[in-house]
């Protein structure tokens, strides 16, 4: 399965679980020079677009693949209003 399709499937799971009106956010790897991270972001954006939604900053945070950087990105998103 390719990266965009995999990411799209994850987004579909969110809406199937009833998160239709929820704000969807994504912590992604840095997309510069990373075709897999770029594909994942594209897959989520495509799936959201099909539902009339979008994924733009600050709901999209690109970060290095480290636990600390990912945790910091998640904390920033959780601090957003509205959630």
Protein backbone atom coordinates (compact mmCIF):
# COMPACT_ATOMS: atom_id res chain seq x y z
CA UNK A 1 0.00 0.00 0.00
CA UNK A 2 1.36 3.42 -0.85
CA UNK A 3 1.84 6.23 1.67
CA UNK A 4 -0.99 8.51 0.46
CA UNK A 5 -3.49 5.62 0.55
CA UNK A 6 -2.34 4.56 4.01
CA UNK A 7 -2.74 8.12 5.34
CA UNK A 8 -6.14 8.41 3.67
CA UNK A 9 -7.27 5.21 5.39
CA UNK A 10 -6.25 6.62 8.77
CA UNK A 11 -8.29 9.75 8.15
CA UNK A 12 -11.27 7.63 7.09
CA UNK A 13 -11.05 5.74 10.39
CA UNK A 14 -11.43 9.05 12.24
CA UNK A 15 -14.59 10.00 10.37
CA UNK A 16 -16.02 6.48 10.65
CA UNK A 17 -15.66 6.72 14.43
CA UNK A 18 -17.87 9.80 14.45
CA UNK A 19 -15.29 12.57 14.30
CA UNK A 20 -17.10 14.36 11.44
CA UNK A 21 -17.15 17.81 12.96
CA UNK A 22 -13.91 17.49 14.88
CA UNK A 23 -10.90 19.46 13.89
CA UNK A 24 -8.43 16.98 12.43
CA UNK A 25 -4.74 17.63 12.96
CA UNK A 26 -1.59 15.86 11.86
CA UNK A 27 1.94 15.62 13.18
CA UNK A 28 4.00 14.79 10.09
CA UNK A 29 7.62 14.22 9.35
CA UNK A 30 9.47 17.02 7.62
CA UNK A 31 8.34 16.83 4.00
CA UNK A 32 11.36 18.57 2.46
CA UNK A 33 13.40 15.88 0.67
CA UNK A 34 11.17 13.12 2.11
CA UNK A 35 8.82 11.60 -0.45
CA UNK A 36 7.15 9.28 2.09
CA UNK A 37 6.27 12.12 4.48
CA UNK A 38 5.09 14.19 1.51
CA UNK A 39 2.92 11.28 0.37
CA UNK A 40 1.36 10.87 3.83
CA UNK A 41 0.45 14.55 4.03
CA UNK A 42 -0.94 14.44 0.48
CA UNK A 43 -3.05 11.38 1.32
CA UNK A 44 -4.59 13.03 4.37
CA UNK A 45 -5.22 16.27 2.47
CA UNK A 46 -6.88 14.38 -0.40
CA UNK A 47 -9.09 12.40 1.95
CA UNK A 48 -10.10 15.52 3.86
CA UNK A 49 -10.77 17.41 0.65
CA UNK A 50 -13.13 14.64 -0.45
CA UNK A 51 -15.12 15.37 2.73
CA UNK A 52 -15.01 19.15 2.20
CA UNK A 53 -12.35 19.65 4.88
CA UNK A 54 -8.77 20.91 4.78
CA UNK A 55 -5.50 20.44 6.63
CA UNK A 56 -3.50 23.62 7.01
CA UNK A 57 -1.21 25.09 9.68
CA UNK A 58 -1.58 25.21 12.62
CA UNK A 59 -3.39 21.85 12.29
CA UNK A 60 -0.47 20.45 10.33
CA UNK A 61 2.90 20.41 12.06
CA UNK A 62 5.99 19.05 10.38
CA UNK A 63 8.63 17.87 12.82
CA UNK A 64 11.72 15.65 12.89
CA UNK A 65 11.17 11.97 13.66
CA UNK A 66 12.01 12.09 17.36
CA UNK A 67 9.84 11.40 20.39
CA UNK A 68 10.61 14.79 21.94
CA UNK A 69 9.87 16.76 18.77
CA UNK A 70 6.64 14.84 18.16
CA UNK A 71 5.50 15.32 21.75
CA UNK A 72 6.18 19.05 21.53
CA UNK A 73 4.19 19.27 18.27
CA UNK A 74 1.26 17.38 19.82
CA UNK A 75 1.29 19.67 22.86
CA UNK A 76 1.18 22.74 20.59
CA UNK A 77 -1.81 21.32 18.75
CA UNK A 78 -3.65 20.41 21.93
CA UNK A 79 -3.20 23.99 23.14
CA UNK A 80 -5.02 25.35 20.06
CA UNK A 81 -8.47 26.79 20.46
CA UNK A 82 -10.97 25.52 19.49
CA UNK A 83 -9.99 21.89 19.80
